[in-house]
């Protein structure tokens, strides 16, 4: 099996005329078998929730600007979804060079979500990487990482979301060279645990309640 595939080979529609969810998910599922990469050419793709799998990469092209999506754009289609990209239990997954567009749909929908029932540090680190992405206009948090263990967010713009740009509850985060702007609550919000987290060289501006807001931490 090839370890790199183009999502167009699976029938994804870059003109946003038809739902591309099944095409994306089939490509991700195939690449999960060989620790491979799904390439997303420039275009606009309508998608419901996509489930990332361990050690897979979703990689696009990212010439976005402050106000506009550009390049490889995934557009939320389902107003009842929990998120656009679900990275729960997707250890080692990489999302790179994508615009995730929420379109203000629904209530409390996140751009990227990790949701776990408990802190399970006896197993494998999540070790997720989000890079060169624009995540905007979601009715919930741009990125929500619940009970996360090890993650990297680099060179991203997380903006204009109805809640926080990033909500993170867990350990061992690296948040570097990002742009948190115009989120209605906080740019970055730390949950009950916000431990061993490096925050460096970020621009955090024009967020509604706080630039960085920490809940009770231990």
C-alpha atoms as a PDB file:
ATOM      1  CA  UNK A   1       0.000   0.000   0.000  1.00  0.00           C
ATOM      2  CA  UNK A   2       1.170   3.538  -0.776  1.00  0.00           C
ATOM      3  CA  UNK A   3       2.012   5.583   2.312  1.00  0.00           C
ATOM      4  CA  UNK A   4       0.783   8.854   0.733  1.00  0.00           C
ATOM      5  CA  UNK A   5      -2.560   9.330  -1.009  1.00  0.00           C
ATOM      6  CA  UNK A   6      -4.412  12.282  -2.523  1.00  0.00           C
ATOM      7  CA  UNK A   7      -7.939  12.720  -1.172  1.00  0.00           C
ATOM      8  CA  UNK A   8      -9.140  13.513  -4.704  1.00  0.00           C
ATOM      9  CA  UNK A   9      -8.374   9.896  -5.588  1.00  0.00           C
ATOM     10  CA  UNK A  10     -11.131   8.949  -3.144  1.00  0.00           C
ATOM     11  CA  UNK A  11     -13.700  11.226  -4.764  1.00  0.00           C
ATOM     12  CA  UNK A  12     -13.462  14.320  -2.537  1.00  0.00           C
ATOM     13  CA  UNK A  13     -15.012  17.412  -4.121  1.00  0.00           C
ATOM     14  CA  UNK A  14     -12.800  20.547  -3.955  1.00  0.00           C
ATOM     15  CA  UNK A  15     -15.657  22.781  -5.148  1.00  0.00           C
ATOM     16  CA  UNK A  16     -17.822  22.339  -2.023  1.00  0.00           C
ATOM     17  CA  UNK A  17     -20.767  21.139  -4.072  1.00  0.00           C
ATOM     18  CA  UNK A  18     -21.118  17.720  -2.430  1.00  0.00           C
ATOM     19  CA  UNK A  19     -20.287  16.211   0.963  1.00  0.00           C
ATOM     20  CA  UNK A  20     -16.700  14.873   1.038  1.00  0.00           C
ATOM     21  CA  UNK A  21     -16.863  13.206   4.465  1.00  0.00           C
ATOM     22  CA  UNK A  22     -16.844   9.619   3.192  1.00  0.00           C
ATOM     23  CA  UNK A  23     -13.934  10.311   0.842  1.00  0.00           C
ATOM     24  CA  UNK A  24     -11.798  11.855   3.580  1.00  0.00           C
ATOM     25  CA  UNK A  25     -12.606   9.117   6.093  1.00  0.00           C
ATOM     26  CA  UNK A  26     -11.810   6.329   3.639  1.00  0.00           C
ATOM     27  CA  UNK A  27      -8.429   7.917   2.898  1.00  0.00           C
ATOM     28  CA  UNK A  28      -7.656   8.360   6.606  1.00  0.00           C
ATOM     29  CA  UNK A  29      -8.650   4.763   7.334  1.00  0.00           C
ATOM     30  CA  UNK A  30      -6.363   3.462   4.596  1.00  0.00           C
ATOM     31  CA  UNK A  31      -3.412   5.551   5.756  1.00  0.00           C
ATOM     32  CA  UNK A  32      -3.875   4.340   9.331  1.00  0.00           C
ATOM     33  CA  UNK A  33      -2.780   0.906   8.105  1.00  0.00           C
ATOM     34  CA  UNK A  34       0.646   2.164   7.012  1.00  0.00           C
ATOM     35  CA  UNK A  35       1.247   5.259   9.172  1.00  0.00           C
ATOM     36  CA  UNK A  36       0.746   7.383   6.081  1.00  0.00           C
ATOM     37  CA  UNK A  37      -0.344  10.824   4.895  1.00  0.00           C
ATOM     38  CA  UNK A  38      -3.545  12.076   3.272  1.00  0.00           C
ATOM     39  CA  UNK A  39      -2.733  15.020   0.997  1.00  0.00           C
ATOM     40  CA  UNK A  40      -5.492  17.626   0.629  1.00  0.00           C
ATOM     41  CA  UNK A  41      -5.036  19.787  -2.509  1.00  0.00           C
ATOM     42  CA  UNK A  42      -6.229  23.400  -2.487  1.00  0.00           C
ATOM     43  CA  UNK A  43      -9.996  23.644  -2.597  1.00  0.00           C
ATOM     44  CA  UNK A  44     -13.089  23.907  -0.413  1.00  0.00           C
ATOM     45  CA  UNK A  45     -14.442  20.625   1.008  1.00  0.00           C
ATOM     46  CA  UNK A  46     -17.728  20.127   2.840  1.00  0.00           C
ATOM     47  CA  UNK A  47     -17.283  17.696   5.739  1.00  0.00           C
ATOM     48  CA  UNK A  48     -19.061  16.331   8.768  1.00  0.00           C
ATOM     49  CA  UNK A  49     -16.956  15.015  11.671  1.00  0.00           C
ATOM     50  CA  UNK A  50     -13.749  13.278  10.566  1.00  0.00           C
ATOM     51  CA  UNK A  51     -12.075  10.775  12.904  1.00  0.00           C
ATOM     52  CA  UNK A  52      -8.303  10.900  12.850  1.00  0.00           C
ATOM     53  CA  UNK A  53      -6.507   7.657  13.673  1.00  0.00           C
ATOM     54  CA  UNK A  54      -3.148   6.955  15.335  1.00  0.00           C
ATOM     55  CA  UNK A  55      -0.003   7.921  13.446  1.00  0.00           C
ATOM     56  CA  UNK A  56      -1.782   9.376  10.439  1.00  0.00           C
ATOM     57  CA  UNK A  57      -1.249  12.798   8.860  1.00  0.00           C
ATOM     58  CA  UNK A  58      -3.759  15.097   7.158  1.00  0.00           C
ATOM     59  CA  UNK A  59      -1.726  17.585   5.147  1.00  0.00           C
ATOM     60  CA  UNK A  60      -2.837  20.531   3.029  1.00  0.00           C
ATOM     61  CA  UNK A  61      -1.618  23.875   1.718  1.00  0.00           C
ATOM     62  CA  UNK A  62      -1.933  26.976   3.872  1.00  0.00           C
ATOM     63  CA  UNK A  63      -1.767  30.412   2.182  1.00  0.00           C
ATOM     64  CA  UNK A  64      -4.408  31.796   4.576  1.00  0.00           C
ATOM     65  CA  UNK A  65      -4.491  35.348   5.847  1.00  0.00           C
ATOM     66  CA  UNK A  66      -5.842  37.090   8.951  1.00  0.00           C
ATOM     67  CA  UNK A  67      -9.367  37.480   7.576  1.00  0.00           C
ATOM     68  CA  UNK A  68      -9.635  34.803   4.914  1.00  0.00           C
ATOM     69  CA  UNK A  69      -9.333  31.080   4.424  1.00  0.00           C
ATOM     70  CA  UNK A  70      -7.235  29.963   1.475  1.00  0.00           C
ATOM     71  CA  UNK A  71      -5.590  26.819   0.209  1.00  0.00           C
ATOM     72  CA  UNK A  72      -6.980  23.578   1.629  1.00  0.00           C
ATOM     73  CA  UNK A  73     -10.239  24.467   3.402  1.00  0.00           C
ATOM     74  CA  UNK A  74     -12.489  22.030   5.293  1.00  0.00           C
ATOM     75  CA  UNK A  75     -15.953  23.484   5.890  1.00  0.00           C
ATOM     76  CA  UNK A  76     -18.217  22.131   8.631  1.00  0.00           C
ATOM     77  CA  UNK A  77     -21.429  20.719   7.180  1.00  0.00           C
ATOM     78  CA  UNK A  78     -23.226  19.304  10.257  1.00  0.00           C
ATOM     79  CA  UNK A  79     -24.850  21.721  12.715  1.00  0.00           C
ATOM     80  CA  UNK A  80     -25.319  18.847  15.206  1.00  0.00           C
ATOM     81  CA  UNK A  81     -21.687  17.726  15.246  1.00  0.00           C
ATOM     82  CA  UNK A  82     -19.420  17.818  18.298  1.00  0.00           C
ATOM     83  CA  UNK A  83     -16.447  18.861  16.161  1.00  0.00           C
ATOM     84  CA  UNK A  84     -14.997  18.902  12.670  1.00  0.00           C
ATOM     85  CA  UNK A  85     -11.827  16.890  13.457  1.00  0.00           C
ATOM     86  CA  UNK A  86     -11.934  14.317  16.260  1.00  0.00           C
ATOM     87  CA  UNK A  87      -8.411  13.452  17.457  1.00  0.00           C
ATOM     88  CA  UNK A  88      -9.467  11.382  20.479  1.00  0.00           C
ATOM     89  CA  UNK A  89      -7.165   8.344  20.853  1.00  0.00           C
ATOM     90  CA  UNK A  90      -5.263   9.336  17.703  1.00  0.00           C
ATOM     91  CA  UNK A  91      -1.786   9.144  19.205  1.00  0.00           C
ATOM     92  CA  UNK A  92       0.883  10.662  16.986  1.00  0.00           C
ATOM     93  CA  UNK A  93      -1.586  12.197  14.527  1.00  0.00           C
ATOM     94  CA  UNK A  94      -0.572  15.322  12.608  1.00  0.00           C
ATOM     95  CA  UNK A  95      -2.871  17.951  11.112  1.00  0.00           C
ATOM     96  CA  UNK A  96      -0.944  20.376   8.926  1.00  0.00           C
ATOM     97  CA  UNK A  97      -1.662  23.175   6.492  1.00  0.00           C
ATOM     98  CA  UNK A  98      -5.460  23.205   6.691  1.00  0.00           C
ATOM     99  CA  UNK A  99      -8.119  25.851   7.179  1.00  0.00           C
ATOM    100  CA  UNK A 100     -10.970  24.583   9.344  1.00  0.00           C
ATOM    101  CA  UNK A 101     -14.088  26.705   8.899  1.00  0.00           C
ATOM    102  CA  UNK A 102     -16.985  26.450  11.360  1.00  0.00           C
ATOM    103  CA  UNK A 103     -19.386  28.826   9.658  1.00  0.00           C
ATOM    104  CA  UNK A 104     -20.933  29.672  13.066  1.00  0.00           C
ATOM    105  CA  UNK A 105     -23.042  26.488  12.795  1.00  0.00           C
ATOM    106  CA  UNK A 106     -24.853  24.934  15.760  1.00  0.00           C
ATOM    107  CA  UNK A 107     -23.966  25.377  19.405  1.00  0.00           C
ATOM    108  CA  UNK A 108     -20.714  24.443  21.113  1.00  0.00           C
ATOM    109  CA  UNK A 109     -19.123  22.778  18.076  1.00  0.00           C
ATOM    110  CA  UNK A 110     -15.312  22.659  18.198  1.00  0.00           C
ATOM    111  CA  UNK A 111     -12.890  22.779  15.323  1.00  0.00           C
ATOM    112  CA  UNK A 112     -10.612  20.108  16.828  1.00  0.00           C
ATOM    113  CA  UNK A 113     -11.606  17.943  19.778  1.00  0.00           C
ATOM    114  CA  UNK A 114      -9.952  15.433  22.089  1.00  0.00           C
ATOM    115  CA  UNK A 115     -12.442  14.030  24.594  1.00  0.00           C
ATOM    116  CA  UNK A 116     -11.471  11.380  27.130  1.00  0.00           C
ATOM    117  CA  UNK A 117     -13.269  10.222  30.255  1.00  0.00           C
ATOM    118  CA  UNK A 118     -10.232  10.178  32.520  1.00  0.00           C
ATOM    119  CA  UNK A 119      -6.570  11.056  32.917  1.00  0.00           C
ATOM    120  CA  UNK A 120      -4.860   7.872  31.707  1.00  0.00           C
ATOM    121  CA  UNK A 121      -1.146   8.571  31.887  1.00  0.00           C
ATOM    122  CA  UNK A 122      -0.289   4.883  32.266  1.00  0.00           C
ATOM    123  CA  UNK A 123      -0.758   4.394  28.515  1.00  0.00           C
ATOM    124  CA  UNK A 124       0.649   6.112  25.450  1.00  0.00           C
ATOM    125  CA  UNK A 125       1.074   9.868  25.147  1.00  0.00           C
ATOM    126  CA  UNK A 126      -1.294  11.597  22.749  1.00  0.00           C
ATOM    127  CA  UNK A 127       1.670  13.375  21.105  1.00  0.00           C
ATOM    128  CA  UNK A 128      -0.547  15.293  18.686  1.00  0.00           C
ATOM    129  CA  UNK A 129       0.785  17.975  16.338  1.00  0.00           C
ATOM    130  CA  UNK A 130      -1.268  20.827  14.843  1.00  0.00           C
ATOM    131  CA  UNK A 131       0.740  23.050  12.523  1.00  0.00           C
ATOM    132  CA  UNK A 132       0.154  25.858   9.999  1.00  0.00           C
ATOM    133  CA  UNK A 133      -3.626  25.697  10.425  1.00  0.00           C
ATOM    134  CA  UNK A 134      -6.312  28.388  10.541  1.00  0.00           C
ATOM    135  CA  UNK A 135      -9.214  27.388  12.807  1.00  0.00           C
ATOM    136  CA  UNK A 136     -12.034  29.906  12.817  1.00  0.00           C
ATOM    137  CA  UNK A 137     -15.722  30.653  13.293  1.00  0.00           C
ATOM    138  CA  UNK A 138     -16.704  27.623  15.374  1.00  0.00           C
ATOM    139  CA  UNK A 139     -19.614  27.905  17.800  1.00  0.00           C
ATOM    140  CA  UNK A 140     -17.517  26.277  20.531  1.00  0.00           C
ATOM    141  CA  UNK A 141     -13.759  26.277  21.122  1.00  0.00           C
ATOM    142  CA  UNK A 142     -11.425  26.423  18.171  1.00  0.00           C
ATOM    143  CA  UNK A 143      -9.386  23.609  19.753  1.00  0.00           C
ATOM    144  CA  UNK A 144     -10.600  21.673  22.803  1.00  0.00           C
ATOM    145  CA  UNK A 145      -8.210  19.169  24.400  1.00  0.00           C
ATOM    146  CA  UNK A 146      -9.800  17.382  27.350  1.00  0.00           C
ATOM    147  CA  UNK A 147      -7.476  15.294  29.536  1.00  0.00           C
ATOM    148  CA  UNK A 148      -4.656  15.590  27.015  1.00  0.00           C
ATOM    149  CA  UNK A 149      -1.151  14.224  27.504  1.00  0.00           C
ATOM    150  CA  UNK A 150       1.506  15.759  25.260  1.00  0.00           C
ATOM    151  CA  UNK A 151       0.624  18.003  22.307  1.00  0.00           C
ATOM    152  CA  UNK A 152       2.186  20.576  19.974  1.00  0.00           C
ATOM    153  CA  UNK A 153       0.396  23.545  18.418  1.00  0.00           C
ATOM    154  CA  UNK A 154       2.649  25.567  16.133  1.00  0.00           C
ATOM    155  CA  UNK A 155       2.270  28.400  13.614  1.00  0.00           C
ATOM    156  CA  UNK A 156      -1.542  28.345  13.762  1.00  0.00           C
ATOM    157  CA  UNK A 157      -4.206  31.039  13.748  1.00  0.00           C
ATOM    158  CA  UNK A 158      -7.138  30.288  16.061  1.00  0.00           C
ATOM    159  CA  UNK A 159      -9.622  33.115  15.718  1.00  0.00           C
ATOM    160  CA  UNK A 160     -13.208  34.347  15.819  1.00  0.00           C
ATOM    161  CA  UNK A 161     -14.540  31.297  17.682  1.00  0.00           C
ATOM    162  CA  UNK A 162     -17.560  31.687  19.968  1.00  0.00           C
ATOM    163  CA  UNK A 163     -15.781  30.285  23.044  1.00  0.00           C
ATOM    164  CA  UNK A 164     -12.028  29.909  23.574  1.00  0.00           C
ATOM    165  CA  UNK A 165      -9.362  29.778  20.936  1.00  0.00           C
ATOM    166  CA  UNK A 166      -7.740  26.878  22.801  1.00  0.00           C
ATOM    167  CA  UNK A 167      -9.080  25.028  25.833  1.00  0.00           C
ATOM    168  CA  UNK A 168      -6.543  22.559  27.232  1.00  0.00           C
ATOM    169  CA  UNK A 169      -6.852  20.344  30.307  1.00  0.00           C
ATOM    170  CA  UNK A 170      -3.793  18.153  30.789  1.00  0.00           C
ATOM    171  CA  UNK A 171      -0.028  17.986  30.602  1.00  0.00           C
ATOM    172  CA  UNK A 172       3.009  18.594  28.447  1.00  0.00           C
ATOM    173  CA  UNK A 173       1.886  21.119  25.868  1.00  0.00           C
ATOM    174  CA  UNK A 174       3.944  23.202  23.462  1.00  0.00           C
ATOM    175  CA  UNK A 175       2.090  26.270  22.118  1.00  0.00           C
ATOM    176  CA  UNK A 176       4.423  28.209  19.859  1.00  0.00           C
ATOM    177  CA  UNK A 177       4.261  31.043  17.320  1.00  0.00           C
ATOM    178  CA  UNK A 178       0.471  31.076  17.117  1.00  0.00           C
ATOM    179  CA  UNK A 179      -2.111  33.824  16.678  1.00  0.00           C
ATOM    180  CA  UNK A 180      -5.110  33.831  19.063  1.00  0.00           C
ATOM    181  CA  UNK A 181      -7.396  36.646  17.992  1.00  0.00           C
ATOM    182  CA  UNK A 182     -11.031  37.688  18.352  1.00  0.00           C
ATOM    183  CA  UNK A 183     -12.318  34.659  20.254  1.00  0.00           C
ATOM    184  CA  UNK A 184     -15.382  35.548  22.326  1.00  0.00           C
ATOM    185  CA  UNK A 185     -14.026  34.067  25.563  1.00  0.00           C
ATOM    186  CA  UNK A 186     -10.274  33.512  26.090  1.00  0.00           C
ATOM    187  CA  UNK A 187      -7.426  33.180  23.664  1.00  0.00           C
ATOM    188  CA  UNK A 188      -6.025  30.297  25.738  1.00  0.00           C
ATOM    189  CA  UNK A 189      -7.848  28.710  28.665  1.00  0.00           C
ATOM    190  CA  UNK A 190      -6.283  26.141  30.947  1.00  0.00           C
ATOM    191  CA  UNK A 191      -8.580  23.604  32.579  1.00  0.00           C
ATOM    192  CA  UNK A 192      -8.333  21.904  35.976  1.00  0.00           C
ATOM    193  CA  UNK A 193      -4.835  20.738  35.052  1.00  0.00           C
ATOM    194  CA  UNK A 194      -2.603  22.890  32.877  1.00  0.00           C
ATOM    195  CA  UNK A 195       0.800  21.484  33.704  1.00  0.00           C
ATOM    196  CA  UNK A 196       4.268  21.531  32.119  1.00  0.00           C
ATOM    197  CA  UNK A 197       3.087  23.693  29.247  1.00  0.00           C
ATOM    198  CA  UNK A 198       5.376  25.953  27.229  1.00  0.00           C
ATOM    199  CA  UNK A 199       3.719  29.067  25.772  1.00  0.00           C
ATOM    200  CA  UNK A 200       6.125  31.139  23.720  1.00  0.00           C
ATOM    201  CA  UNK A 201       6.142  33.789  20.957  1.00  0.00           C
ATOM    202  CA  UNK A 202       2.365  33.896  20.497  1.00  0.00           C
ATOM    203  CA  UNK A 203       0.228  36.900  19.579  1.00  0.00           C
ATOM    204  CA  UNK A 204      -2.890  36.959  21.804  1.00  0.00           C
ATOM    205  CA  UNK A 205      -5.241  39.868  21.127  1.00  0.00           C
ATOM    206  CA  UNK A 206      -8.834  41.106  21.110  1.00  0.00           C
ATOM    207  CA  UNK A 207     -10.276  38.094  22.913  1.00  0.00           C
ATOM    208  CA  UNK A 208     -13.471  38.716  24.867  1.00  0.00           C
ATOM    209  CA  UNK A 209     -12.774  37.775  28.504  1.00  0.00           C
ATOM    210  CA  UNK A 210      -9.001  37.217  28.724  1.00  0.00           C
ATOM    211  CA  UNK A 211      -5.872  36.595  26.756  1.00  0.00           C
ATOM    212  CA  UNK A 212      -4.856  33.648  28.944  1.00  0.00           C
ATOM    213  CA  UNK A 213      -7.232  32.357  31.646  1.00  0.00           C
ATOM    214  CA  UNK A 214      -6.304  29.548  34.031  1.00  0.00           C
ATOM    215  CA  UNK A 215      -8.813  27.575  36.065  1.00  0.00           C
ATOM    216  CA  UNK A 216      -7.681  26.100  39.389  1.00  0.00           C
ATOM    217  CA  UNK A 217      -4.447  24.211  38.738  1.00  0.00           C
ATOM    218  CA  UNK A 218      -2.347  21.883  40.854  1.00  0.00           C
END
